[in-house]
């Protein structure tokens, strides 16, 4: 397949995004029982991970777009 590597990289980022969505859901549901420090730490982790995923998806999309052109 011509774009196998690019598609695999995009799929990896989609899976990471799904994991972050699940983590956010758990965090939101458990916020009442967590300390403020635990919540801040979890939010920091989610934000960093989402930024990484966004950066990777953007890079992979741009690379794939250049190949397709």
Protein backbone atom coordinates (compact mmCIF):
# COMPACT_ATOMS: atom_id res chain seq x y z
CA UNK A 1 0.00 0.00 0.00
CA UNK A 2 1.36 3.37 -1.04
CA UNK A 3 0.72 5.31 2.19
CA UNK A 4 0.92 2.49 4.73
CA UNK A 5 3.35 4.22 7.11
CA UNK A 6 1.42 7.48 7.10
CA UNK A 7 -1.87 5.70 7.76
CA UNK A 8 -0.35 3.70 10.62
CA UNK A 9 1.02 6.88 12.19
CA UNK A 10 -2.37 8.57 11.94
CA UNK A 11 -4.08 5.52 13.44
CA UNK A 12 -1.64 5.59 16.37
CA UNK A 13 -2.53 9.21 17.09
CA UNK A 14 -6.25 8.46 16.85
CA UNK A 15 -5.83 5.67 19.41
CA UNK A 16 -3.92 8.06 21.71
CA UNK A 17 -6.72 10.60 21.36
CA UNK A 18 -9.31 7.96 22.30
CA UNK A 19 -7.24 7.08 25.38
CA UNK A 20 -7.08 10.74 26.40
CA UNK A 21 -10.84 11.07 25.96
CA UNK A 22 -11.35 8.08 28.25
CA UNK A 23 -8.90 9.47 30.79
CA UNK A 24 -10.68 12.81 30.76
CA UNK A 25 -14.00 11.06 31.36
CA UNK A 26 -12.56 9.17 34.35
CA UNK A 27 -11.05 12.38 35.68
CA UNK A 28 -14.30 14.29 35.34
CA UNK A 29 -16.28 11.54 37.06
CA UNK A 30 -13.78 11.18 39.90
CA UNK A 31 -13.19 14.88 40.52
CA UNK A 32 -15.45 14.94 43.57
CA UNK A 33 -13.30 12.36 45.35
CA UNK A 34 -9.88 13.69 44.31
CA UNK A 35 -7.67 16.30 45.89
CA UNK A 36 -7.05 19.60 44.13
CA UNK A 37 -3.41 18.62 43.58
CA UNK A 38 -4.38 15.29 41.98
CA UNK A 39 -6.85 17.06 39.70
CA UNK A 40 -4.25 19.68 38.66
CA UNK A 41 -1.71 16.95 37.95
CA UNK A 42 -4.18 14.92 35.89
CA UNK A 43 -5.29 17.99 33.94
CA UNK A 44 -1.67 18.91 33.25
CA UNK A 45 -1.04 15.38 31.95
CA UNK A 46 -4.15 15.43 29.75
CA UNK A 47 -3.30 18.87 28.37
CA UNK A 48 0.28 17.86 27.55
CA UNK A 49 -0.84 14.64 25.93
CA UNK A 50 -3.50 16.39 23.87
CA UNK A 51 -0.94 18.96 22.71
CA UNK A 52 1.41 16.15 21.68
CA UNK A 53 -1.36 14.34 19.84
CA UNK A 54 -2.43 17.52 18.07
CA UNK A 55 1.15 18.28 17.02
CA UNK A 56 1.65 14.71 15.74
CA UNK A 57 -1.66 14.64 13.87
CA UNK A 58 -0.92 18.00 12.25
CA UNK A 59 2.55 16.85 11.22
CA UNK A 60 1.31 13.52 9.87
CA UNK A 61 -1.55 15.18 8.00
CA UNK A 62 0.77 17.75 6.42
CA UNK A 63 3.22 15.02 5.40
CA UNK A 64 0.46 12.86 3.93
CA UNK A 65 -1.02 15.88 2.15
CA UNK A 66 2.34 16.59 0.50
CA UNK A 67 2.55 12.95 -0.67
CA UNK A 68 -0.95 13.06 -2.10
CA UNK A 69 -0.29 16.30 -3.99
